[in-house]
Amino acid sequence: MGTITLHAAGPASPDTVWQRYALLDEWPRWAPHIRAVHADGRALVTGLEGSVASVAGIRAAFVVESVDHDRREWTWRVRSGPLRLRLHHGVHTHPKGSATRLTMRGPLPVLAAYAPLARLALGRLVRT
């Protein structure tokens, strides 16, 4: 097991970036590897369960563990077959506009393989 933390900063406001996280229908717009998000709700709330469909046809089940709208942070667990990841996201102000942080915990080879996609998505997330 391992941990990798990624950061990205850009001109989008922290409120804009948070809304892009908080509204599930926004995810495919900034995360190019996500085709669709299937869940009972359309906004992040603690306990929300669903699945993410990737453009490669892979589906991953998820459970949102916690959401703090005031601090602009959220954590979820993602599972695809035997693979399990825990991802913690945060948004804060930055001299450029906003910054986002993603801390991923799971099998290190999986994290290393996913990191380039996550880095690309985070960069798109903070753009205007």
C-alpha atoms as a PDB file:
ATOM      1  CA  MET A   1       0.000   0.000   0.000  1.00  0.00           C
ATOM      2  CA  GLY A   2       1.138   3.524  -0.705  1.00  0.00           C
ATOM      3  CA  THR A   3       0.149   7.167  -0.802  1.00  0.00           C
ATOM      4  CA  ILE A   4       0.554   9.732  -3.563  1.00  0.00           C
ATOM      5  CA  THR A   5      -0.489  13.396  -3.322  1.00  0.00           C
ATOM      6  CA  LEU A   6      -1.008  15.540  -6.415  1.00  0.00           C
ATOM      7  CA  HIS A   7      -1.559  19.307  -6.673  1.00  0.00           C
ATOM      8  CA  ALA A   8      -2.764  21.649  -9.401  1.00  0.00           C
ATOM      9  CA  ALA A   9      -3.319  25.423  -9.454  1.00  0.00           C
ATOM     10  CA  GLY A  10      -5.141  27.551 -11.976  1.00  0.00           C
ATOM     11  CA  PRO A  11      -7.289  30.641 -12.634  1.00  0.00           C
ATOM     12  CA  ALA A  12     -10.727  29.192 -11.767  1.00  0.00           C
ATOM     13  CA  SER A  13     -12.154  30.469  -8.490  1.00  0.00           C
ATOM     14  CA  PRO A  14     -12.279  28.094  -5.516  1.00  0.00           C
ATOM     15  CA  ASP A  15     -16.096  28.222  -5.607  1.00  0.00           C
ATOM     16  CA  THR A  16     -16.106  27.224  -9.292  1.00  0.00           C
ATOM     17  CA  VAL A  17     -13.706  24.358  -8.682  1.00  0.00           C
ATOM     18  CA  TRP A  18     -15.731  23.155  -5.706  1.00  0.00           C
ATOM     19  CA  GLN A  19     -18.932  23.169  -7.772  1.00  0.00           C
ATOM     20  CA  ARG A  20     -17.171  21.069 -10.408  1.00  0.00           C
ATOM     21  CA  TYR A  21     -16.478  18.502  -7.688  1.00  0.00           C
ATOM     22  CA  ALA A  22     -19.824  18.813  -5.911  1.00  0.00           C
ATOM     23  CA  LEU A  23     -22.033  18.293  -8.984  1.00  0.00           C
ATOM     24  CA  LEU A  24     -21.551  14.784 -10.377  1.00  0.00           C
ATOM     25  CA  ASP A  25     -22.703  15.750 -13.868  1.00  0.00           C
ATOM     26  CA  GLU A  26     -19.666  18.070 -14.093  1.00  0.00           C
ATOM     27  CA  TRP A  27     -17.105  15.261 -13.625  1.00  0.00           C
ATOM     28  CA  PRO A  28     -16.900  14.141 -17.294  1.00  0.00           C
ATOM     29  CA  ARG A  29     -16.301  17.763 -18.336  1.00  0.00           C
ATOM     30  CA  TRP A  30     -12.995  18.071 -16.448  1.00  0.00           C
ATOM     31  CA  ALA A  31     -11.980  14.405 -16.027  1.00  0.00           C
ATOM     32  CA  PRO A  32     -11.397  13.108 -19.564  1.00  0.00           C
ATOM     33  CA  HIS A  33     -11.223   9.486 -18.385  1.00  0.00           C
ATOM     34  CA  ILE A  34     -14.774   9.601 -16.952  1.00  0.00           C
ATOM     35  CA  ARG A  35     -17.628   8.942 -19.367  1.00  0.00           C
ATOM     36  CA  ALA A  36     -20.497   8.965 -16.840  1.00  0.00           C
ATOM     37  CA  VAL A  37     -21.335   8.926 -13.145  1.00  0.00           C
ATOM     38  CA  HIS A  38     -24.238   6.765 -11.976  1.00  0.00           C
ATOM     39  CA  ALA A  39     -25.667   7.452  -8.509  1.00  0.00           C
ATOM     40  CA  ASP A  40     -28.985   8.029  -6.765  1.00  0.00           C
ATOM     41  CA  GLY A  41     -28.112  11.687  -6.212  1.00  0.00           C
ATOM     42  CA  ARG A  42     -26.463  14.227  -8.474  1.00  0.00           C
ATOM     43  CA  ALA A  43     -24.521  16.093  -5.767  1.00  0.00           C
ATOM     44  CA  LEU A  44     -21.830  15.054  -3.300  1.00  0.00           C
ATOM     45  CA  VAL A  45     -23.210  14.032   0.075  1.00  0.00           C
ATOM     46  CA  THR A  46     -21.788  11.763   2.718  1.00  0.00           C
ATOM     47  CA  GLY A  47     -22.942   8.192   2.134  1.00  0.00           C
ATOM     48  CA  LEU A  48     -23.658   8.619  -1.586  1.00  0.00           C
ATOM     49  CA  GLU A  49     -23.050   5.366  -3.459  1.00  0.00           C
ATOM     50  CA  GLY A  50     -22.724   4.843  -7.163  1.00  0.00           C
ATOM     51  CA  SER A  51     -20.335   3.990  -9.964  1.00  0.00           C
ATOM     52  CA  VAL A  52     -18.092   5.765 -12.417  1.00  0.00           C
ATOM     53  CA  ALA A  53     -17.867   4.563 -16.020  1.00  0.00           C
ATOM     54  CA  SER A  54     -14.559   5.216 -17.751  1.00  0.00           C
ATOM     55  CA  VAL A  55     -14.052   5.897 -21.429  1.00  0.00           C
ATOM     56  CA  ALA A  56     -12.218   2.538 -21.543  1.00  0.00           C
ATOM     57  CA  GLY A  57     -15.394   0.758 -20.398  1.00  0.00           C
ATOM     58  CA  ILE A  58     -14.159   0.100 -16.850  1.00  0.00           C
ATOM     59  CA  ARG A  59     -16.716   0.624 -14.085  1.00  0.00           C
ATOM     60  CA  ALA A  60     -15.710   1.454 -10.548  1.00  0.00           C
ATOM     61  CA  ALA A  61     -18.103   1.451  -7.600  1.00  0.00           C
ATOM     62  CA  PHE A  62     -17.777   4.249  -5.069  1.00  0.00           C
ATOM     63  CA  VAL A  63     -18.958   5.384  -1.653  1.00  0.00           C
ATOM     64  CA  VAL A  64     -18.529   8.987  -0.503  1.00  0.00           C
ATOM     65  CA  GLU A  65     -17.126   8.821   3.042  1.00  0.00           C
ATOM     66  CA  SER A  66     -17.260  12.503   3.939  1.00  0.00           C
ATOM     67  CA  VAL A  67     -18.078  15.905   2.468  1.00  0.00           C
ATOM     68  CA  ASP A  68     -17.266  19.268   4.071  1.00  0.00           C
ATOM     69  CA  HIS A  69     -18.677  21.995   1.842  1.00  0.00           C
ATOM     70  CA  ASP A  70     -17.357  24.794   4.073  1.00  0.00           C
ATOM     71  CA  ARG A  71     -13.772  23.493   3.919  1.00  0.00           C
ATOM     72  CA  ARG A  72     -14.225  22.315   0.300  1.00  0.00           C
ATOM     73  CA  GLU A  73     -12.974  18.807   1.068  1.00  0.00           C
ATOM     74  CA  TRP A  74     -14.333  15.353   0.374  1.00  0.00           C
ATOM     75  CA  THR A  75     -13.243  11.729   0.602  1.00  0.00           C
ATOM     76  CA  TRP A  76     -14.445   8.660  -1.236  1.00  0.00           C
ATOM     77  CA  ARG A  77     -13.594   4.986  -1.605  1.00  0.00           C
ATOM     78  CA  VAL A  78     -13.445   3.529  -5.100  1.00  0.00           C
ATOM     79  CA  ARG A  79     -13.501  -0.185  -5.964  1.00  0.00           C
ATOM     80  CA  SER A  80     -13.022  -1.976  -9.265  1.00  0.00           C
ATOM     81  CA  GLY A  81     -12.783  -5.747  -8.923  1.00  0.00           C
ATOM     82  CA  PRO A  82     -10.171  -6.484  -6.265  1.00  0.00           C
ATOM     83  CA  LEU A  83      -8.631  -2.988  -6.476  1.00  0.00           C
ATOM     84  CA  ARG A  84      -9.487  -0.508  -3.726  1.00  0.00           C
ATOM     85  CA  LEU A  85      -8.496   3.151  -3.520  1.00  0.00           C
ATOM     86  CA  ARG A  86      -9.258   5.902  -1.018  1.00  0.00           C
ATOM     87  CA  LEU A  87      -9.141   9.426  -2.446  1.00  0.00           C
ATOM     88  CA  HIS A  88      -9.231  12.683  -0.497  1.00  0.00           C
ATOM     89  CA  HIS A  89      -9.826  15.935  -2.433  1.00  0.00           C
ATOM     90  CA  GLY A  90      -9.485  19.525  -1.290  1.00  0.00           C
ATOM     91  CA  VAL A  91      -9.813  22.984  -2.861  1.00  0.00           C
ATOM     92  CA  HIS A  92      -8.333  26.212  -1.520  1.00  0.00           C
ATOM     93  CA  THR A  93      -7.474  29.718  -2.632  1.00  0.00           C
ATOM     94  CA  HIS A  94      -4.186  30.280  -4.411  1.00  0.00           C
ATOM     95  CA  PRO A  95      -2.434  33.368  -5.847  1.00  0.00           C
ATOM     96  CA  LYS A  96      -3.330  32.053  -9.333  1.00  0.00           C
ATOM     97  CA  GLY A  97      -7.011  31.678  -8.314  1.00  0.00           C
ATOM     98  CA  SER A  98      -7.447  28.221  -6.819  1.00  0.00           C
ATOM     99  CA  ALA A  99      -5.554  25.056  -6.096  1.00  0.00           C
ATOM    100  CA  THR A 100      -6.700  21.508  -5.634  1.00  0.00           C
ATOM    101  CA  ARG A 101      -5.071  18.611  -3.847  1.00  0.00           C
ATOM    102  CA  LEU A 102      -5.674  14.901  -4.256  1.00  0.00           C
ATOM    103  CA  THR A 103      -4.254  12.360  -1.825  1.00  0.00           C
ATOM    104  CA  MET A 104      -4.632   8.779  -3.046  1.00  0.00           C
ATOM    105  CA  ARG A 105      -4.103   5.656  -0.926  1.00  0.00           C
ATOM    106  CA  GLY A 106      -3.966   2.148  -2.348  1.00  0.00           C
ATOM    107  CA  PRO A 107      -1.666  -0.321  -4.089  1.00  0.00           C
ATOM    108  CA  LEU A 108       1.354   1.688  -5.218  1.00  0.00           C
ATOM    109  CA  PRO A 109       1.475   0.255  -8.794  1.00  0.00           C
ATOM    110  CA  VAL A 110      -2.182   1.240  -9.301  1.00  0.00           C
ATOM    111  CA  LEU A 111      -1.563   4.728  -7.910  1.00  0.00           C
ATOM    112  CA  ALA A 112       1.474   5.193 -10.142  1.00  0.00           C
ATOM    113  CA  ALA A 113      -0.535   4.126 -13.205  1.00  0.00           C
ATOM    114  CA  TYR A 114      -3.488   6.384 -12.317  1.00  0.00           C
ATOM    115  CA  ALA A 115      -1.439   9.463 -11.336  1.00  0.00           C
ATOM    116  CA  PRO A 116      -0.921  10.814 -14.902  1.00  0.00           C
ATOM    117  CA  LEU A 117      -4.673  10.697 -15.609  1.00  0.00           C
ATOM    118  CA  ALA A 118      -5.451  12.278 -12.243  1.00  0.00           C
ATOM    119  CA  ARG A 119      -2.846  15.015 -12.824  1.00  0.00           C
ATOM    120  CA  LEU A 120      -4.410  15.824 -16.219  1.00  0.00           C
ATOM    121  CA  ALA A 121      -7.905  15.942 -14.705  1.00  0.00           C
ATOM    122  CA  LEU A 122      -6.816  18.199 -11.837  1.00  0.00           C
ATOM    123  CA  GLY A 123      -5.240  20.629 -14.297  1.00  0.00           C
ATOM    124  CA  ARG A 124      -8.505  20.791 -16.245  1.00  0.00           C
ATOM    125  CA  LEU A 125     -10.476  21.185 -13.014  1.00  0.00           C
ATOM    126  CA  VAL A 126      -8.760  24.470 -12.071  1.00  0.00           C
ATOM    127  CA  ARG A 127      -8.901  26.029 -15.552  1.00  0.00           C
ATOM    128  CA  THR A 128     -11.494  28.664 -16.352  1.00  0.00           C
END
